[in-house]
């Protein structure tokens, strides 16, 4: 039995979604990670669900979301969340 530790709950949830590969990923994400109802979290959630569904890669997505309409606070939130997702995806690729 392996134990994985992530610095945030968001990272742990992304890792779990890659493991599950389930069509109910959105429901699982909502149960494990209730997210605030704001634009940054919605963008992150949509992107993560898309990438995990197609078993894609986060490397190119990290800054593709920045279309110039985000506030500084939203940018900080998204950068942090996408970094957590990138770390979780790296752990998934490395250990599985």
PDB file of N, CA and C in Angstrom:
ATOM      1  N   UNK A   1       0.849  -1.181   0.000  1.00  0.00           N
ATOM      2  CA  UNK A   1       0.000   0.000   0.000  1.00  0.00           C
ATOM      3  C   UNK A   1       0.891   1.240   0.000  1.00  0.00           C
ATOM      4  N   UNK A   2       0.677   2.101  -0.962  1.00  0.00           N
ATOM      5  CA  UNK A   2       1.453   3.336  -1.064  1.00  0.00           C
ATOM      6  C   UNK A   2       0.671   4.494  -0.487  1.00  0.00           C
ATOM      7  N   UNK A   3       1.392   5.405   0.113  1.00  0.00           N
ATOM      8  CA  UNK A   3       0.790   6.613   0.661  1.00  0.00           C
ATOM      9  C   UNK A   3       1.358   7.801  -0.110  1.00  0.00           C
ATOM     10  N   UNK A   4       0.467   8.663  -0.573  1.00  0.00           N
ATOM     11  CA  UNK A   4       0.871   9.860  -1.298  1.00  0.00           C
ATOM     12  C   UNK A   4       0.441  11.075  -0.491  1.00  0.00           C
ATOM     13  N   UNK A   5       1.325  12.039  -0.416  1.00  0.00           N
ATOM     14  CA  UNK A   5       1.010  13.260   0.324  1.00  0.00           C
ATOM     15  C   UNK A   5       1.140  14.454  -0.621  1.00  0.00           C
ATOM     16  N   UNK A   6       0.150  15.329  -0.541  1.00  0.00           N
ATOM     17  CA  UNK A   6       0.140  16.537  -1.358  1.00  0.00           C
ATOM     18  C   UNK A   6       0.036  17.738  -0.439  1.00  0.00           C
ATOM     19  N   UNK A   7       0.540  18.854  -0.909  1.00  0.00           N
ATOM     20  CA  UNK A   7       0.558  20.042  -0.059  1.00  0.00           C
ATOM     21  C   UNK A   7      -0.823  20.677   0.081  1.00  0.00           C
ATOM     22  N   UNK A   8      -1.741  20.349  -0.839  1.00  0.00           N
ATOM     23  CA  UNK A   8      -3.093  20.902  -0.761  1.00  0.00           C
ATOM     24  C   UNK A   8      -4.120  19.821  -1.080  1.00  0.00           C
ATOM     25  N   UNK A   9      -5.326  20.076  -0.663  1.00  0.00           N
ATOM     26  CA  UNK A   9      -6.425  19.166  -0.984  1.00  0.00           C
ATOM     27  C   UNK A   9      -6.662  19.127  -2.491  1.00  0.00           C
ATOM     28  N   UNK A  10      -6.512  20.264  -3.152  1.00  0.00           N
ATOM     29  CA  UNK A  10      -6.726  20.322  -4.602  1.00  0.00           C
ATOM     30  C   UNK A  10      -5.794  19.347  -5.324  1.00  0.00           C
ATOM     31  N   UNK A  11      -4.551  19.297  -4.919  1.00  0.00           N
ATOM     32  CA  UNK A  11      -3.601  18.364  -5.529  1.00  0.00           C
ATOM     33  C   UNK A  11      -4.008  16.919  -5.308  1.00  0.00           C
ATOM     34  N   UNK A  12      -4.441  16.600  -4.115  1.00  0.00           N
ATOM     35  CA  UNK A  12      -4.898  15.248  -3.815  1.00  0.00           C
ATOM     36  C   UNK A  12      -6.110  14.855  -4.639  1.00  0.00           C
ATOM     37  N   UNK A  13      -7.005  15.795  -4.845  1.00  0.00           N
ATOM     38  CA  UNK A  13      -8.207  15.522  -5.641  1.00  0.00           C
ATOM     39  C   UNK A  13      -7.828  15.282  -7.104  1.00  0.00           C
ATOM     40  N   UNK A  14      -6.935  16.078  -7.641  1.00  0.00           N
ATOM     41  CA  UNK A  14      -6.503  15.881  -9.031  1.00  0.00           C
ATOM     42  C   UNK A  14      -5.864  14.500  -9.186  1.00  0.00           C
ATOM     43  N   UNK A  15      -5.027  14.118  -8.253  1.00  0.00           N
ATOM     44  CA  UNK A  15      -4.400  12.798  -8.286  1.00  0.00           C
ATOM     45  C   UNK A  15      -5.472  11.707  -8.279  1.00  0.00           C
ATOM     46  N   UNK A  16      -6.455  11.845  -7.401  1.00  0.00           N
ATOM     47  CA  UNK A  16      -7.548  10.862  -7.314  1.00  0.00           C
ATOM     48  C   UNK A  16      -8.335  10.792  -8.620  1.00  0.00           C
ATOM     49  N   UNK A  17      -8.562  11.924  -9.263  1.00  0.00           N
ATOM     50  CA  UNK A  17      -9.296  11.928 -10.524  1.00  0.00           C
ATOM     51  C   UNK A  17      -8.538  11.187 -11.619  1.00  0.00           C
ATOM     52  N   UNK A  18      -7.222  11.340 -11.654  1.00  0.00           N
ATOM     53  CA  UNK A  18      -6.434  10.582 -12.627  1.00  0.00           C
ATOM     54  C   UNK A  18      -6.503   9.089 -12.332  1.00  0.00           C
ATOM     55  N   UNK A  19      -6.531   8.722 -11.074  1.00  0.00           N
ATOM     56  CA  UNK A  19      -6.655   7.307 -10.715  1.00  0.00           C
ATOM     57  C   UNK A  19      -8.017   6.744 -11.089  1.00  0.00           C
ATOM     58  N   UNK A  20      -9.063   7.501 -10.824  1.00  0.00           N
ATOM     59  CA  UNK A  20     -10.430   7.011 -11.028  1.00  0.00           C
ATOM     60  C   UNK A  20     -10.807   6.867 -12.498  1.00  0.00           C
ATOM     61  N   UNK A  21     -10.460   7.867 -13.303  1.00  0.00           N
ATOM     62  CA  UNK A  21     -10.850   7.881 -14.710  1.00  0.00           C
ATOM     63  C   UNK A  21     -12.325   7.521 -14.858  1.00  0.00           C
ATOM     64  N   UNK A  22     -13.162   8.228 -14.155  1.00  0.00           N
ATOM     65  CA  UNK A  22     -14.584   7.922 -14.079  1.00  0.00           C
ATOM     66  C   UNK A  22     -15.397   9.026 -14.726  1.00  0.00           C
ATOM     67  N   UNK A  23     -16.500   8.654 -15.355  1.00  0.00           N
ATOM     68  CA  UNK A  23     -17.362   9.654 -15.968  1.00  0.00           C
ATOM     69  C   UNK A  23     -18.070  10.520 -14.935  1.00  0.00           C
ATOM     70  N   UNK A  24     -18.007  10.115 -13.686  1.00  0.00           N
ATOM     71  CA  UNK A  24     -18.613  10.895 -12.607  1.00  0.00           C
ATOM     72  C   UNK A  24     -17.574  11.776 -11.898  1.00  0.00           C
ATOM     73  N   UNK A  25     -16.534  12.135 -12.613  1.00  0.00           N
ATOM     74  CA  UNK A  25     -15.442  12.896 -12.017  1.00  0.00           C
ATOM     75  C   UNK A  25     -15.912  14.221 -11.425  1.00  0.00           C
ATOM     76  N   UNK A  26     -16.836  14.899 -12.095  1.00  0.00           N
ATOM     77  CA  UNK A  26     -17.318  16.190 -11.587  1.00  0.00           C
ATOM     78  C   UNK A  26     -17.998  16.018 -10.237  1.00  0.00           C
ATOM     79  N   UNK A  27     -18.772  14.965 -10.096  1.00  0.00           N
ATOM     80  CA  UNK A  27     -19.443  14.703  -8.828  1.00  0.00           C
ATOM     81  C   UNK A  27     -18.431  14.360  -7.743  1.00  0.00           C
ATOM     82  N   UNK A  28     -17.447  13.543  -8.096  1.00  0.00           N
ATOM     83  CA  UNK A  28     -16.396  13.192  -7.139  1.00  0.00           C
ATOM     84  C   UNK A  28     -15.650  14.448  -6.708  1.00  0.00           C
ATOM     85  N   UNK A  29     -15.323  15.303  -7.675  1.00  0.00           N
ATOM     86  CA  UNK A  29     -14.609  16.537  -7.357  1.00  0.00           C
ATOM     87  C   UNK A  29     -15.434  17.419  -6.421  1.00  0.00           C
ATOM     88  N   UNK A  30     -16.716  17.549  -6.699  1.00  0.00           N
ATOM     89  CA  UNK A  30     -17.588  18.371  -5.848  1.00  0.00           C
ATOM     90  C   UNK A  30     -17.666  17.829  -4.421  1.00  0.00           C
ATOM     91  N   UNK A  31     -17.670  16.509  -4.288  1.00  0.00           N
ATOM     92  CA  UNK A  31     -17.753  15.907  -2.959  1.00  0.00           C
ATOM     93  C   UNK A  31     -16.448  16.046  -2.187  1.00  0.00           C
ATOM     94  N   UNK A  32     -15.338  15.916  -2.874  1.00  0.00           N
ATOM     95  CA  UNK A  32     -14.038  15.978  -2.204  1.00  0.00           C
ATOM     96  C   UNK A  32     -13.510  17.394  -2.038  1.00  0.00           C
ATOM     97  N   UNK A  33     -13.947  18.276  -2.913  1.00  0.00           N
ATOM     98  CA  UNK A  33     -13.382  19.623  -2.930  1.00  0.00           C
ATOM     99  C   UNK A  33     -14.463  20.658  -3.218  1.00  0.00           C
ATOM    100  N   UNK A  34     -15.295  20.937  -2.237  1.00  0.00           N
ATOM    101  CA  UNK A  34     -16.294  21.988  -2.469  1.00  0.00           C
ATOM    102  C   UNK A  34     -15.568  23.293  -2.779  1.00  0.00           C
ATOM    103  N   UNK A  35     -15.841  23.860  -3.922  1.00  0.00           N
ATOM    104  CA  UNK A  35     -15.100  25.049  -4.326  1.00  0.00           C
ATOM    105  C   UNK A  35     -15.987  26.291  -4.273  1.00  0.00           C
ATOM    106  N   UNK A  36     -15.373  27.410  -4.012  1.00  0.00           N
ATOM    107  CA  UNK A  36     -16.122  28.666  -4.015  1.00  0.00           C
ATOM    108  C   UNK A  36     -16.745  28.906  -5.389  1.00  0.00           C
ATOM    109  N   UNK A  37     -17.821  29.609  -5.404  1.00  0.00           N
ATOM    110  CA  UNK A  37     -18.513  29.901  -6.650  1.00  0.00           C
ATOM    111  C   UNK A  37     -17.953  31.191  -7.252  1.00  0.00           C
ATOM    112  N   UNK A  38     -16.720  31.095  -7.735  1.00  0.00           N
ATOM    113  CA  UNK A  38     -16.141  32.261  -8.404  1.00  0.00           C
ATOM    114  C   UNK A  38     -15.495  31.835  -9.725  1.00  0.00           C
ATOM    115  N   UNK A  39     -15.170  32.809 -10.513  1.00  0.00           N
ATOM    116  CA  UNK A  39     -14.687  32.571 -11.872  1.00  0.00           C
ATOM    117  C   UNK A  39     -13.389  31.760 -11.921  1.00  0.00           C
ATOM    118  N   UNK A  40     -12.456  32.041 -11.035  1.00  0.00           N
ATOM    119  CA  UNK A  40     -11.174  31.344 -11.047  1.00  0.00           C
ATOM    120  C   UNK A  40     -11.357  29.852 -10.751  1.00  0.00           C
ATOM    121  N   UNK A  41     -12.116  29.554  -9.711  1.00  0.00           N
ATOM    122  CA  UNK A  41     -12.344  28.151  -9.371  1.00  0.00           C
ATOM    123  C   UNK A  41     -13.102  27.437 -10.473  1.00  0.00           C
ATOM    124  N   UNK A  42     -14.072  28.087 -11.092  1.00  0.00           N
ATOM    125  CA  UNK A  42     -14.828  27.466 -12.183  1.00  0.00           C
ATOM    126  C   UNK A  42     -13.911  27.142 -13.359  1.00  0.00           C
ATOM    127  N   UNK A  43     -13.026  28.070 -13.709  1.00  0.00           N
ATOM    128  CA  UNK A  43     -12.079  27.846 -14.803  1.00  0.00           C
ATOM    129  C   UNK A  43     -11.164  26.678 -14.482  1.00  0.00           C
ATOM    130  N   UNK A  44     -10.648  26.648 -13.268  1.00  0.00           N
ATOM    131  CA  UNK A  44      -9.746  25.571 -12.855  1.00  0.00           C
ATOM    132  C   UNK A  44     -10.468  24.227 -12.911  1.00  0.00           C
ATOM    133  N   UNK A  45     -11.647  24.178 -12.349  1.00  0.00           N
ATOM    134  CA  UNK A  45     -12.401  22.926 -12.310  1.00  0.00           C
ATOM    135  C   UNK A  45     -12.697  22.421 -13.724  1.00  0.00           C
ATOM    136  N   UNK A  46     -13.173  23.295 -14.591  1.00  0.00           N
ATOM    137  CA  UNK A  46     -13.472  22.908 -15.970  1.00  0.00           C
ATOM    138  C   UNK A  46     -12.232  22.358 -16.668  1.00  0.00           C
ATOM    139  N   UNK A  47     -11.111  23.046 -16.504  1.00  0.00           N
ATOM    140  CA  UNK A  47      -9.863  22.630 -17.146  1.00  0.00           C
ATOM    141  C   UNK A  47      -9.386  21.298 -16.592  1.00  0.00           C
ATOM    142  N   UNK A  48      -9.403  21.141 -15.273  1.00  0.00           N
ATOM    143  CA  UNK A  48      -8.955  19.891 -14.648  1.00  0.00           C
ATOM    144  C   UNK A  48      -9.825  18.722 -15.102  1.00  0.00           C
ATOM    145  N   UNK A  49     -11.127  18.903 -15.115  1.00  0.00           N
ATOM    146  CA  UNK A  49     -12.018  17.817 -15.534  1.00  0.00           C
ATOM    147  C   UNK A  49     -11.763  17.431 -16.987  1.00  0.00           C
ATOM    148  N   UNK A  50     -11.519  18.414 -17.835  1.00  0.00           N
ATOM    149  CA  UNK A  50     -11.231  18.132 -19.239  1.00  0.00           C
ATOM    150  C   UNK A  50      -9.920  17.352 -19.377  1.00  0.00           C
ATOM    151  N   UNK A  51      -8.900  17.787 -18.691  1.00  0.00           N
ATOM    152  CA  UNK A  51      -7.589  17.138 -18.809  1.00  0.00           C
ATOM    153  C   UNK A  51      -7.615  15.730 -18.232  1.00  0.00           C
ATOM    154  N   UNK A  52      -8.239  15.548 -17.082  1.00  0.00           N
ATOM    155  CA  UNK A  52      -8.270  14.201 -16.498  1.00  0.00           C
ATOM    156  C   UNK A  52      -9.126  13.260 -17.337  1.00  0.00           C
ATOM    157  N   UNK A  53     -10.179  13.775 -17.945  1.00  0.00           N
ATOM    158  CA  UNK A  53     -11.052  12.946 -18.780  1.00  0.00           C
ATOM    159  C   UNK A  53     -10.292  12.393 -19.981  1.00  0.00           C
ATOM    160  N   UNK A  54      -9.490  13.227 -20.601  1.00  0.00           N
ATOM    161  CA  UNK A  54      -8.755  12.781 -21.792  1.00  0.00           C
ATOM    162  C   UNK A  54      -7.329  12.332 -21.467  1.00  0.00           C
ATOM    163  N   UNK A  55      -7.028  12.224 -20.175  1.00  0.00           N
ATOM    164  CA  UNK A  55      -5.699  11.823 -19.695  1.00  0.00           C
ATOM    165  C   UNK A  55      -4.617  12.691 -20.330  1.00  0.00           C
ATOM    166  N   UNK A  56      -4.904  13.977 -20.359  1.00  0.00           N
ATOM    167  CA  UNK A  56      -3.990  14.934 -20.965  1.00  0.00           C
ATOM    168  C   UNK A  56      -2.874  15.350 -20.034  1.00  0.00           C
ATOM    169  N   UNK A  57      -2.227  16.428 -20.403  1.00  0.00           N
ATOM    170  CA  UNK A  57      -1.072  16.920 -19.662  1.00  0.00           C
ATOM    171  C   UNK A  57      -1.321  18.368 -19.247  1.00  0.00           C
ATOM    172  N   UNK A  58      -0.847  18.728 -18.071  1.00  0.00           N
ATOM    173  CA  UNK A  58      -1.039  20.079 -17.551  1.00  0.00           C
ATOM    174  C   UNK A  58       0.062  21.044 -17.975  1.00  0.00           C
ATOM    175  N   UNK A  59       1.146  20.529 -18.508  1.00  0.00           N
ATOM    176  CA  UNK A  59       2.305  21.378 -18.785  1.00  0.00           C
ATOM    177  C   UNK A  59       1.981  22.587 -19.647  1.00  0.00           C
ATOM    178  N   UNK A  60       1.206  22.408 -20.689  1.00  0.00           N
ATOM    179  CA  UNK A  60       0.936  23.522 -21.600  1.00  0.00           C
ATOM    180  C   UNK A  60      -0.236  24.391 -21.141  1.00  0.00           C
ATOM    181  N   UNK A  61      -0.992  23.925 -20.161  1.00  0.00           N
ATOM    182  CA  UNK A  61      -2.200  24.626 -19.730  1.00  0.00           C
ATOM    183  C   UNK A  61      -1.916  25.690 -18.681  1.00  0.00           C
ATOM    184  N   UNK A  62      -0.806  25.585 -18.023  1.00  0.00           N
ATOM    185  CA  UNK A  62      -0.539  26.415 -16.864  1.00  0.00           C
ATOM    186  C   UNK A  62      -0.807  27.895 -17.124  1.00  0.00           C
ATOM    187  N   UNK A  63      -0.459  28.413 -18.276  1.00  0.00           N
ATOM    188  CA  UNK A  63      -0.682  29.829 -18.528  1.00  0.00           C
ATOM    189  C   UNK A  63      -1.587  30.114 -19.725  1.00  0.00           C
ATOM    190  N   UNK A  64      -2.122  29.103 -20.359  1.00  0.00           N
ATOM    191  CA  UNK A  64      -3.012  29.312 -21.497  1.00  0.00           C
ATOM    192  C   UNK A  64      -4.313  30.014 -21.115  1.00  0.00           C
ATOM    193  N   UNK A  65      -4.695  29.929 -19.875  1.00  0.00           N
ATOM    194  CA  UNK A  65      -5.954  30.514 -19.409  1.00  0.00           C
ATOM    195  C   UNK A  65      -5.897  32.037 -19.349  1.00  0.00           C
ATOM    196  N   UNK A  66      -4.717  32.615 -19.326  1.00  0.00           N
ATOM    197  CA  UNK A  66      -4.595  34.057 -19.103  1.00  0.00           C
ATOM    198  C   UNK A  66      -4.876  34.839 -20.381  1.00  0.00           C
ATOM    199  N   UNK A  67      -6.125  35.287 -20.500  1.00  0.00           N
ATOM    200  CA  UNK A  67      -6.541  36.058 -21.669  1.00  0.00           C
ATOM    201  C   UNK A  67      -6.554  37.566 -21.402  1.00  0.00           C
ATOM    202  N   UNK A  68      -6.003  37.965 -20.252  1.00  0.00           N
ATOM    203  CA  UNK A  68      -5.923  39.384 -19.928  1.00  0.00           C
ATOM    204  C   UNK A  68      -7.121  39.937 -19.182  1.00  0.00           C
ATOM    205  N   UNK A  69      -8.112  39.101 -18.906  1.00  0.00           N
ATOM    206  CA  UNK A  69      -9.321  39.583 -18.226  1.00  0.00           C
ATOM    207  C   UNK A  69      -9.342  39.258 -16.738  1.00  0.00           C
ATOM    208  N   UNK A  70      -8.333  38.588 -16.241  1.00  0.00           N
ATOM    209  CA  UNK A  70      -8.312  38.150 -14.844  1.00  0.00           C
ATOM    210  C   UNK A  70      -7.730  39.228 -13.934  1.00  0.00           C
ATOM    211  N   UNK A  71      -8.293  39.348 -12.732  1.00  0.00           N
ATOM    212  CA  UNK A  71      -7.734  40.278 -11.744  1.00  0.00           C
ATOM    213  C   UNK A  71      -6.461  39.658 -11.177  1.00  0.00           C
ATOM    214  N   UNK A  72      -5.668  40.471 -10.490  1.00  0.00           N
ATOM    215  CA  UNK A  72      -4.448  39.948  -9.870  1.00  0.00           C
ATOM    216  C   UNK A  72      -4.762  38.834  -8.870  1.00  0.00           C
ATOM    217  N   UNK A  73      -5.816  38.997  -8.112  1.00  0.00           N
ATOM    218  CA  UNK A  73      -6.199  37.973  -7.130  1.00  0.00           C
ATOM    219  C   UNK A  73      -6.592  36.668  -7.829  1.00  0.00           C
ATOM    220  N   UNK A  74      -7.368  36.774  -8.902  1.00  0.00           N
ATOM    221  CA  UNK A  74      -7.760  35.582  -9.655  1.00  0.00           C
ATOM    222  C   UNK A  74      -6.539  34.895 -10.264  1.00  0.00           C
ATOM    223  N   UNK A  75      -5.610  35.697 -10.776  1.00  0.00           N
ATOM    224  CA  UNK A  75      -4.385  35.133 -11.349  1.00  0.00           C
ATOM    225  C   UNK A  75      -3.595  34.350 -10.305  1.00  0.00           C
ATOM    226  N   UNK A  76      -3.445  34.933  -9.122  1.00  0.00           N
ATOM    227  CA  UNK A  76      -2.717  34.231  -8.054  1.00  0.00           C
ATOM    228  C   UNK A  76      -3.408  32.920  -7.696  1.00  0.00           C
ATOM    229  N   UNK A  77      -4.734  32.965  -7.610  1.00  0.00           N
ATOM    230  CA  UNK A  77      -5.493  31.756  -7.293  1.00  0.00           C
ATOM    231  C   UNK A  77      -5.288  30.695  -8.368  1.00  0.00           C
ATOM    232  N   UNK A  78      -5.423  31.078  -9.618  1.00  0.00           N
ATOM    233  CA  UNK A  78      -5.277  30.120 -10.713  1.00  0.00           C
ATOM    234  C   UNK A  78      -3.865  29.566 -10.811  1.00  0.00           C
ATOM    235  N   UNK A  79      -2.868  30.407 -10.658  1.00  0.00           N
ATOM    236  CA  UNK A  79      -1.484  29.933 -10.702  1.00  0.00           C
ATOM    237  C   UNK A  79      -1.259  28.900  -9.613  1.00  0.00           C
ATOM    238  N   UNK A  80      -1.725  29.175  -8.416  1.00  0.00           N
ATOM    239  CA  UNK A  80      -1.571  28.240  -7.310  1.00  0.00           C
ATOM    240  C   UNK A  80      -2.318  26.928  -7.567  1.00  0.00           C
ATOM    241  N   UNK A  81      -3.561  27.024  -8.019  1.00  0.00           N
ATOM    242  CA  UNK A  81      -4.349  25.822  -8.283  1.00  0.00           C
ATOM    243  C   UNK A  81      -3.770  24.988  -9.419  1.00  0.00           C
ATOM    244  N   UNK A  82      -3.342  25.637 -10.489  1.00  0.00           N
ATOM    245  CA  UNK A  82      -2.757  24.883 -11.594  1.00  0.00           C
ATOM    246  C   UNK A  82      -1.409  24.285 -11.215  1.00  0.00           C
ATOM    247  N   UNK A  83      -0.667  24.940 -10.349  1.00  0.00           N
ATOM    248  CA  UNK A  83       0.587  24.347  -9.891  1.00  0.00           C
ATOM    249  C   UNK A  83       0.309  23.095  -9.061  1.00  0.00           C
ATOM    250  N   UNK A  84      -0.718  23.146  -8.204  1.00  0.00           N
ATOM    251  CA  UNK A  84      -1.119  21.957  -7.441  1.00  0.00           C
ATOM    252  C   UNK A  84      -1.499  20.814  -8.383  1.00  0.00           C
ATOM    253  N   UNK A  85      -2.251  21.143  -9.437  1.00  0.00           N
ATOM    254  CA  UNK A  85      -2.664  20.130 -10.404  1.00  0.00           C
ATOM    255  C   UNK A  85      -1.457  19.560 -11.156  1.00  0.00           C
ATOM    256  N   UNK A  86      -0.537  20.424 -11.519  1.00  0.00           N
ATOM    257  CA  UNK A  86       0.673  19.989 -12.217  1.00  0.00           C
ATOM    258  C   UNK A  86       1.490  19.055 -11.332  1.00  0.00           C
ATOM    259  N   UNK A  87       1.640  19.389 -10.061  1.00  0.00           N
ATOM    260  CA  UNK A  87       2.371  18.535  -9.121  1.00  0.00           C
ATOM    261  C   UNK A  87       1.699  17.175  -8.974  1.00  0.00           C
ATOM    262  N   UNK A  88       0.371  17.178  -8.872  1.00  0.00           N
ATOM    263  CA  UNK A  88      -0.376  15.926  -8.726  1.00  0.00           C
ATOM    264  C   UNK A  88      -0.247  15.068  -9.985  1.00  0.00           C
ATOM    265  N   UNK A  89      -0.315  15.703 -11.137  1.00  0.00           N
ATOM    266  CA  UNK A  89      -0.161  14.965 -12.392  1.00  0.00           C
ATOM    267  C   UNK A  89       1.241  14.380 -12.501  1.00  0.00           C
ATOM    268  N   UNK A  90       2.238  15.139 -12.069  1.00  0.00           N
ATOM    269  CA  UNK A  90       3.613  14.627 -12.069  1.00  0.00           C
ATOM    270  C   UNK A  90       3.755  13.402 -11.179  1.00  0.00           C
ATOM    271  N   UNK A  91       3.128  13.443 -10.004  1.00  0.00           N
ATOM    272  CA  UNK A  91       3.166  12.296  -9.097  1.00  0.00           C
ATOM    273  C   UNK A  91       2.461  11.101  -9.727  1.00  0.00           C
ATOM    274  N   UNK A  92       1.351  11.348 -10.392  1.00  0.00           N
ATOM    275  CA  UNK A  92       0.611  10.279 -11.061  1.00  0.00           C
ATOM    276  C   UNK A  92       1.479   9.624 -12.128  1.00  0.00           C
ATOM    277  N   UNK A  93       2.133  10.420 -12.974  1.00  0.00           N
ATOM    278  CA  UNK A  93       2.975   9.875 -14.045  1.00  0.00           C
ATOM    279  C   UNK A  93       4.201   9.152 -13.491  1.00  0.00           C
ATOM    280  N   UNK A  94       4.755   9.669 -12.427  1.00  0.00           N
ATOM    281  CA  UNK A  94       5.990   9.106 -11.873  1.00  0.00           C
ATOM    282  C   UNK A  94       5.751   7.784 -11.141  1.00  0.00           C
ATOM    283  N   UNK A  95       4.688   7.697 -10.413  1.00  0.00           N
ATOM    284  CA  UNK A  95       4.515   6.561  -9.521  1.00  0.00           C
ATOM    285  C   UNK A  95       3.544   5.500 -10.015  1.00  0.00           C
ATOM    286  N   UNK A  96       2.900   5.760 -11.129  1.00  0.00           N
ATOM    287  CA  UNK A  96       1.949   4.749 -11.616  1.00  0.00           C
ATOM    288  C   UNK A  96       2.238   4.280 -13.012  1.00  0.00           C
TER     289      UNK A  96
END
